[in-house]
Amino acid sequence: SRDNAKNTMYLHMNSLETEDTAVYYCR
């Protein structure tokens, strides 16, 4: 999701798995 008023983008992650382990980058 993104909130333009806050100049912010979000990533809500649920039901995380070990395979999700990584460095996450914003682009």
PDB file of all heavy atoms in Angstrom:
ATOM      1  N   SER A   1       0.842  -1.189   0.000  1.00  0.00           N
ATOM      2  CA  SER A   1       0.000   0.000   0.000  1.00  0.00           C
ATOM      3  C   SER A   1       0.877   1.239   0.000  1.00  0.00           C
ATOM      4  O   SER A   1       2.083   1.157   0.234  1.00  0.00           O
ATOM      5  CB  SER A   1      -0.940   0.007   1.211  1.00  0.00           C
ATOM      6  OG  SER A   1      -0.206   0.054   2.424  1.00  0.00           O
ATOM      7  N   ARG A   2       0.271   2.377  -0.271  1.00  0.00           N
ATOM      8  CA  ARG A   2       1.011   3.630  -0.247  1.00  0.00           C
ATOM      9  C   ARG A   2       0.143   4.727   0.326  1.00  0.00           C
ATOM     10  O   ARG A   2      -1.070   4.758   0.108  1.00  0.00           O
ATOM     11  CB  ARG A   2       1.513   4.002  -1.646  1.00  0.00           C
ATOM     12  CG  ARG A   2       0.414   4.161  -2.695  1.00  0.00           C
ATOM     13  CD  ARG A   2       0.992   4.222  -4.108  1.00  0.00           C
ATOM     14  NE  ARG A   2       1.735   5.451  -4.353  1.00  0.00           N
ATOM     15  CZ  ARG A   2       2.450   5.676  -5.450  1.00  0.00           C
ATOM     16  NH1 ARG A   2       2.533   4.743  -6.396  1.00  0.00           N
ATOM     17  NH2 ARG A   2       3.092   6.831  -5.599  1.00  0.00           N
ATOM     18  N   ASP A   3       0.775   5.622   1.058  1.00  0.00           N
ATOM     19  CA  ASP A   3       0.115   6.776   1.643  1.00  0.00           C
ATOM     20  C   ASP A   3       0.822   8.000   1.087  1.00  0.00           C
ATOM     21  O   ASP A   3       1.891   8.381   1.572  1.00  0.00           O
ATOM     22  CB  ASP A   3       0.190   6.742   3.167  1.00  0.00           C
ATOM     23  CG  ASP A   3      -0.619   7.839   3.826  1.00  0.00           C
ATOM     24  OD1 ASP A   3      -0.869   8.879   3.192  1.00  0.00           O
ATOM     25  OD2 ASP A   3      -1.013   7.657   4.995  1.00  0.00           O
ATOM     26  N   ASN A   4       0.242   8.603   0.076  1.00  0.00           N
ATOM     27  CA  ASN A   4       0.884   9.728  -0.592  1.00  0.00           C
ATOM     28  C   ASN A   4       1.092  10.920   0.337  1.00  0.00           C
ATOM     29  O   ASN A   4       2.076  11.650   0.210  1.00  0.00           O
ATOM     30  CB  ASN A   4       0.069  10.154  -1.811  1.00  0.00           C
ATOM     31  CG  ASN A   4       0.083   9.119  -2.912  1.00  0.00           C
ATOM     32  OD1 ASN A   4       0.977   8.274  -2.966  1.00  0.00           O
ATOM     33  ND2 ASN A   4      -0.896   9.168  -3.796  1.00  0.00           N
ATOM     34  N   ALA A   5       0.170  11.137   1.262  1.00  0.00           N
ATOM     35  CA  ALA A   5       0.275  12.255   2.185  1.00  0.00           C
ATOM     36  C   ALA A   5       1.498  12.134   3.089  1.00  0.00           C
ATOM     37  O   ALA A   5       2.051  13.135   3.543  1.00  0.00           O
ATOM     38  CB  ALA A   5      -0.986  12.377   3.023  1.00  0.00           C
ATOM     39  N   LYS A   6       1.921  10.901   3.354  1.00  0.00           N
ATOM     40  CA  LYS A   6       3.072  10.660   4.215  1.00  0.00           C
ATOM     41  C   LYS A   6       4.326  10.286   3.430  1.00  0.00           C
ATOM     42  O   LYS A   6       5.353   9.973   4.030  1.00  0.00           O
ATOM     43  CB  LYS A   6       2.757   9.552   5.219  1.00  0.00           C
ATOM     44  CG  LYS A   6       1.651   9.902   6.199  1.00  0.00           C
ATOM     45  CD  LYS A   6       1.424   8.763   7.185  1.00  0.00           C
ATOM     46  CE  LYS A   6       0.360   9.133   8.195  1.00  0.00           C
ATOM     47  NZ  LYS A   6       0.124   8.033   9.171  1.00  0.00           N
ATOM     48  N   ASN A   7       4.230  10.314   2.121  1.00  0.00           N
ATOM     49  CA  ASN A   7       5.353   9.936   1.251  1.00  0.00           C
ATOM     50  C   ASN A   7       5.885   8.556   1.621  1.00  0.00           C
ATOM     51  O   ASN A   7       7.094   8.316   1.615  1.00  0.00           O
ATOM     52  CB  ASN A   7       6.485  10.963   1.340  1.00  0.00           C
ATOM     53  CG  ASN A   7       6.079  12.333   0.857  1.00  0.00           C
ATOM     54  OD1 ASN A   7       5.140  12.464   0.074  1.00  0.00           O
ATOM     55  ND2 ASN A   7       6.784  13.356   1.315  1.00  0.00           N
ATOM     56  N   THR A   8       4.986   7.653   1.921  1.00  0.00           N
ATOM     57  CA  THR A   8       5.377   6.356   2.451  1.00  0.00           C
ATOM     58  C   THR A   8       4.682   5.206   1.738  1.00  0.00           C
ATOM     59  O   THR A   8       3.494   5.286   1.422  1.00  0.00           O
ATOM     60  CB  THR A   8       5.067   6.271   3.954  1.00  0.00           C
ATOM     61  OG1 THR A   8       5.736   7.339   4.636  1.00  0.00           O
ATOM     62  CG2 THR A   8       5.539   4.949   4.532  1.00  0.00           C
ATOM     63  N   MET A   9       5.443   4.164   1.504  1.00  0.00           N
ATOM     64  CA  MET A   9       4.916   2.920   0.976  1.00  0.00           C
ATOM     65  C   MET A   9       5.095   1.851   2.043  1.00  0.00           C
ATOM     66  O   MET A   9       6.086   1.850   2.775  1.00  0.00           O
ATOM     67  CB  MET A   9       5.662   2.520  -0.302  1.00  0.00           C
ATOM     68  CG  MET A   9       5.212   1.187  -0.891  1.00  0.00           C
ATOM     69  SD  MET A   9       6.117   0.748  -2.403  1.00  0.00           S
ATOM     70  CE  MET A   9       7.776   0.541  -1.759  1.00  0.00           C
ATOM     71  N   TYR A  10       4.142   0.940   2.125  1.00  0.00           N
ATOM     72  CA  TYR A  10       4.169  -0.092   3.145  1.00  0.00           C
ATOM     73  C   TYR A  10       4.110  -1.489   2.531  1.00  0.00           C
ATOM     74  O   TYR A  10       3.618  -1.687   1.419  1.00  0.00           O
ATOM     75  CB  TYR A  10       2.982   0.046   4.097  1.00  0.00           C
ATOM     76  CG  TYR A  10       2.883   1.371   4.787  1.00  0.00           C
ATOM     77  CD1 TYR A  10       2.042   2.364   4.299  1.00  0.00           C
ATOM     78  CD2 TYR A  10       3.615   1.625   5.942  1.00  0.00           C
ATOM     79  CE1 TYR A  10       1.940   3.583   4.942  1.00  0.00           C
ATOM     80  CE2 TYR A  10       3.518   2.839   6.587  1.00  0.00           C
ATOM     81  CZ  TYR A  10       2.679   3.814   6.089  1.00  0.00           C
ATOM     82  OH  TYR A  10       2.581   5.030   6.732  1.00  0.00           O
ATOM     83  N   LEU A  11       4.590  -2.441   3.294  1.00  0.00           N
ATOM     84  CA  LEU A  11       4.419  -3.840   2.961  1.00  0.00           C
ATOM     85  C   LEU A  11       4.003  -4.557   4.241  1.00  0.00           C
ATOM     86  O   LEU A  11       4.812  -4.711   5.156  1.00  0.00           O
ATOM     87  CB  LEU A  11       5.702  -4.462   2.402  1.00  0.00           C
ATOM     88  CG  LEU A  11       5.576  -5.916   1.954  1.00  0.00           C
ATOM     89  CD1 LEU A  11       4.671  -6.015   0.725  1.00  0.00           C
ATOM     90  CD2 LEU A  11       6.944  -6.519   1.652  1.00  0.00           C
ATOM     91  N   HIS A  12       2.747  -4.950   4.294  1.00  0.00           N
ATOM     92  CA  HIS A  12       2.243  -5.724   5.423  1.00  0.00           C
ATOM     93  C   HIS A  12       2.448  -7.197   5.122  1.00  0.00           C
ATOM     94  O   HIS A  12       1.935  -7.710   4.131  1.00  0.00           O
ATOM     95  CB  HIS A  12       0.759  -5.431   5.658  1.00  0.00           C
ATOM     96  CG  HIS A  12       0.482  -4.056   6.162  1.00  0.00           C
ATOM     97  ND1 HIS A  12       0.378  -2.968   5.336  1.00  0.00           N
ATOM     98  CD2 HIS A  12       0.277  -3.594   7.429  1.00  0.00           C
ATOM     99  CE1 HIS A  12       0.129  -1.882   6.055  1.00  0.00           C
ATOM    100  NE2 HIS A  12       0.061  -2.242   7.331  1.00  0.00           N
ATOM    101  N   MET A  13       3.178  -7.868   5.981  1.00  0.00           N
ATOM    102  CA  MET A  13       3.520  -9.261   5.776  1.00  0.00           C
ATOM    103  C   MET A  13       2.877 -10.103   6.866  1.00  0.00           C
ATOM    104  O   MET A  13       3.126  -9.887   8.053  1.00  0.00           O
ATOM    105  CB  MET A  13       5.039  -9.450   5.778  1.00  0.00           C
ATOM    106  CG  MET A  13       5.765  -8.584   4.757  1.00  0.00           C
ATOM    107  SD  MET A  13       7.551  -8.901   4.720  1.00  0.00           S
ATOM    108  CE  MET A  13       8.019  -8.240   6.322  1.00  0.00           C
ATOM    109  N   ASN A  14       2.058 -11.038   6.451  1.00  0.00           N
ATOM    110  CA  ASN A  14       1.390 -11.947   7.372  1.00  0.00           C
ATOM    111  C   ASN A  14       1.784 -13.385   7.067  1.00  0.00           C
ATOM    112  O   ASN A  14       2.270 -13.691   5.983  1.00  0.00           O
ATOM    113  CB  ASN A  14      -0.130 -11.801   7.263  1.00  0.00           C
ATOM    114  CG  ASN A  14      -0.617 -10.418   7.606  1.00  0.00           C
ATOM    115  OD1 ASN A  14      -0.236  -9.848   8.620  1.00  0.00           O
ATOM    116  ND2 ASN A  14      -1.494  -9.878   6.761  1.00  0.00           N
ATOM    117  N   SER A  15       1.554 -14.257   8.034  1.00  0.00           N
ATOM    118  CA  SER A  15       1.852 -15.683   7.868  1.00  0.00           C
ATOM    119  C   SER A  15       3.257 -15.884   7.315  1.00  0.00           C
ATOM    120  O   SER A  15       3.471 -16.640   6.362  1.00  0.00           O
ATOM    121  CB  SER A  15       0.810 -16.334   6.948  1.00  0.00           C
ATOM    122  OG  SER A  15      -0.496 -16.179   7.467  1.00  0.00           O
ATOM    123  N   LEU A  16       4.203 -15.233   7.929  1.00  0.00           N
ATOM    124  CA  LEU A  16       5.578 -15.285   7.443  1.00  0.00           C
ATOM    125  C   LEU A  16       6.150 -16.696   7.510  1.00  0.00           C
ATOM    126  O   LEU A  16       5.866 -17.450   8.440  1.00  0.00           O
ATOM    127  CB  LEU A  16       6.449 -14.328   8.236  1.00  0.00           C
ATOM    128  CG  LEU A  16       6.275 -12.853   7.860  1.00  0.00           C
ATOM    129  CD1 LEU A  16       6.816 -11.946   8.946  1.00  0.00           C
ATOM    130  CD2 LEU A  16       6.982 -12.576   6.533  1.00  0.00           C
ATOM    131  N   GLU A  17       6.945 -17.007   6.520  1.00  0.00           N
ATOM    132  CA  GLU A  17       7.593 -18.308   6.410  1.00  0.00           C
ATOM    133  C   GLU A  17       9.101 -18.115   6.423  1.00  0.00           C
ATOM    134  O   GLU A  17       9.603 -17.036   6.119  1.00  0.00           O
ATOM    135  CB  GLU A  17       7.156 -19.005   5.116  1.00  0.00           C
ATOM    136  CG  GLU A  17       5.654 -19.157   4.974  1.00  0.00           C
ATOM    137  CD  GLU A  17       5.228 -19.581   3.585  1.00  0.00           C
ATOM    138  OE1 GLU A  17       6.084 -19.629   2.678  1.00  0.00           O
ATOM    139  OE2 GLU A  17       4.032 -19.873   3.411  1.00  0.00           O
ATOM    140  N   THR A  18       9.823 -19.164   6.758  1.00  0.00           N
ATOM    141  CA  THR A  18      11.274 -19.069   6.790  1.00  0.00           C
ATOM    142  C   THR A  18      11.835 -18.679   5.424  1.00  0.00           C
ATOM    143  O   THR A  18      12.877 -18.026   5.340  1.00  0.00           O
ATOM    144  CB  THR A  18      11.912 -20.390   7.244  1.00  0.00           C
ATOM    145  OG1 THR A  18      11.472 -21.461   6.405  1.00  0.00           O
ATOM    146  CG2 THR A  18      11.517 -20.697   8.688  1.00  0.00           C
ATOM    147  N   GLU A  19      11.140 -19.059   4.369  1.00  0.00           N
ATOM    148  CA  GLU A  19      11.562 -18.724   3.014  1.00  0.00           C
ATOM    149  C   GLU A  19      11.460 -17.234   2.713  1.00  0.00           C
ATOM    150  O   GLU A  19      11.987 -16.769   1.699  1.00  0.00           O
ATOM    151  CB  GLU A  19      10.749 -19.517   1.982  1.00  0.00           C
ATOM    152  CG  GLU A  19      11.017 -21.015   1.973  1.00  0.00           C
ATOM    153  CD  GLU A  19      10.317 -21.755   3.104  1.00  0.00           C
ATOM    154  OE1 GLU A  19       9.468 -21.152   3.786  1.00  0.00           O
ATOM    155  OE2 GLU A  19      10.619 -22.948   3.308  1.00  0.00           O
ATOM    156  N   ASP A  20      10.775 -16.486   3.567  1.00  0.00           N
ATOM    157  CA  ASP A  20      10.657 -15.045   3.384  1.00  0.00           C
ATOM    158  C   ASP A  20      11.887 -14.302   3.899  1.00  0.00           C
ATOM    159  O   ASP A  20      12.000 -13.091   3.704  1.00  0.00           O
ATOM    160  CB  ASP A  20       9.412 -14.509   4.088  1.00  0.00           C
ATOM    161  CG  ASP A  20       8.123 -15.055   3.501  1.00  0.00           C
ATOM    162  OD1 ASP A  20       8.018 -15.134   2.259  1.00  0.00           O
ATOM    163  OD2 ASP A  20       7.217 -15.401   4.281  1.00  0.00           O
ATOM    164  N   THR A  21      12.775 -14.996   4.559  1.00  0.00           N
ATOM    165  CA  THR A  21      13.987 -14.373   5.085  1.00  0.00           C
ATOM    166  C   THR A  21      14.814 -13.789   3.948  1.00  0.00           C
ATOM    167  O   THR A  21      15.165 -14.490   3.000  1.00  0.00           O
ATOM    168  CB  THR A  21      14.826 -15.387   5.865  1.00  0.00           C
ATOM    169  OG1 THR A  21      14.095 -15.823   7.017  1.00  0.00           O
ATOM    170  CG2 THR A  21      16.141 -14.774   6.314  1.00  0.00           C
ATOM    171  N   ALA A  22      15.109 -12.499   4.043  1.00  0.00           N
ATOM    172  CA  ALA A  22      15.857 -11.804   3.004  1.00  0.00           C
ATOM    173  C   ALA A  22      16.044 -10.355   3.412  1.00  0.00           C
ATOM    174  O   ALA A  22      15.481  -9.894   4.411  1.00  0.00           O
ATOM    175  CB  ALA A  22      15.114 -11.872   1.664  1.00  0.00           C
ATOM    176  N   VAL A  23      16.843  -9.641   2.634  1.00  0.00           N
ATOM    177  CA  VAL A  23      16.911  -8.196   2.758  1.00  0.00           C
ATOM    178  C   VAL A  23      15.866  -7.621   1.816  1.00  0.00           C
ATOM    179  O   VAL A  23      15.850  -7.951   0.632  1.00  0.00           O
ATOM    180  CB  VAL A  23      18.301  -7.638   2.402  1.00  0.00           C
ATOM    181  CG1 VAL A  23      18.299  -6.113   2.471  1.00  0.00           C
ATOM    182  CG2 VAL A  23      19.348  -8.210   3.349  1.00  0.00           C
ATOM    183  N   TYR A  24      15.001  -6.788   2.334  1.00  0.00           N
ATOM    184  CA  TYR A  24      13.921  -6.211   1.551  1.00  0.00           C
ATOM    185  C   TYR A  24      14.275  -4.782   1.154  1.00  0.00           C
ATOM    186  O   TYR A  24      14.676  -3.973   1.993  1.00  0.00           O
ATOM    187  CB  TYR A  24      12.615  -6.230   2.345  1.00  0.00           C
ATOM    188  CG  TYR A  24      11.991  -7.599   2.401  1.00  0.00           C
ATOM    189  CD1 TYR A  24      12.575  -8.612   3.157  1.00  0.00           C
ATOM    190  CD2 TYR A  24      10.832  -7.894   1.685  1.00  0.00           C
ATOM    191  CE1 TYR A  24      12.025  -9.883   3.192  1.00  0.00           C
ATOM    192  CE2 TYR A  24      10.272  -9.158   1.718  1.00  0.00           C
ATOM    193  CZ  TYR A  24      10.876 -10.150   2.475  1.00  0.00           C
ATOM    194  OH  TYR A  24      10.318 -11.412   2.505  1.00  0.00           O
ATOM    195  N   TYR A  25      14.107  -4.493  -0.128  1.00  0.00           N
ATOM    196  CA  TYR A  25      14.469  -3.197  -0.680  1.00  0.00           C
ATOM    197  C   TYR A  25      13.268  -2.464  -1.254  1.00  0.00           C
ATOM    198  O   TYR A  25      12.408  -3.067  -1.893  1.00  0.00           O
ATOM    199  CB  TYR A  25      15.496  -3.355  -1.801  1.00  0.00           C
ATOM    200  CG  TYR A  25      16.819  -3.922  -1.363  1.00  0.00           C
ATOM    201  CD1 TYR A  25      17.040  -5.292  -1.382  1.00  0.00           C
ATOM    202  CD2 TYR A  25      17.847  -3.091  -0.948  1.00  0.00           C
ATOM    203  CE1 TYR A  25      18.259  -5.822  -0.991  1.00  0.00           C
ATOM    204  CE2 TYR A  25      19.066  -3.609  -0.560  1.00  0.00           C
ATOM    205  CZ  TYR A  25      19.268  -4.978  -0.582  1.00  0.00           C
ATOM    206  OH  TYR A  25      20.480  -5.496  -0.194  1.00  0.00           O
ATOM    207  N   CYS A  26      13.247  -1.179  -1.035  1.00  0.00           N
ATOM    208  CA  CYS A  26      12.244  -0.301  -1.618  1.00  0.00           C
ATOM    209  C   CYS A  26      12.761   0.210  -2.958  1.00  0.00           C
ATOM    210  O   CYS A  26      13.939   0.549  -3.091  1.00  0.00           O
ATOM    211  CB  CYS A  26      11.977   0.870  -0.665  1.00  0.00           C
ATOM    212  SG  CYS A  26      10.830   2.113  -1.272  1.00  0.00           S
ATOM    213  N   ARG A  27      11.888   0.259  -3.957  1.00  0.00           N
ATOM    214  CA  ARG A  27      12.274   0.734  -5.281  1.00  0.00           C
ATOM    215  C   ARG A  27      11.255   1.731  -5.813  1.00  0.00           C
ATOM    216  O   ARG A  27      10.052   1.551  -5.652  1.00  0.00           O
ATOM    217  CB  ARG A  27      12.385  -0.441  -6.248  1.00  0.00           C
ATOM    218  CG  ARG A  27      12.577  -0.043  -7.704  1.00  0.00           C
ATOM    219  CD  ARG A  27      12.820  -1.250  -8.569  1.00  0.00           C
ATOM    220  NE  ARG A  27      12.776  -0.927  -9.988  1.00  0.00           N
ATOM    221  CZ  ARG A  27      13.162  -1.734 -10.964  1.00  0.00           C
ATOM    222  NH1 ARG A  27      13.631  -2.943 -10.662  1.00  0.00           N
ATOM    223  NH2 ARG A  27      13.073  -1.353 -12.221  1.00  0.00           N
TER     224      ARG A  27
END
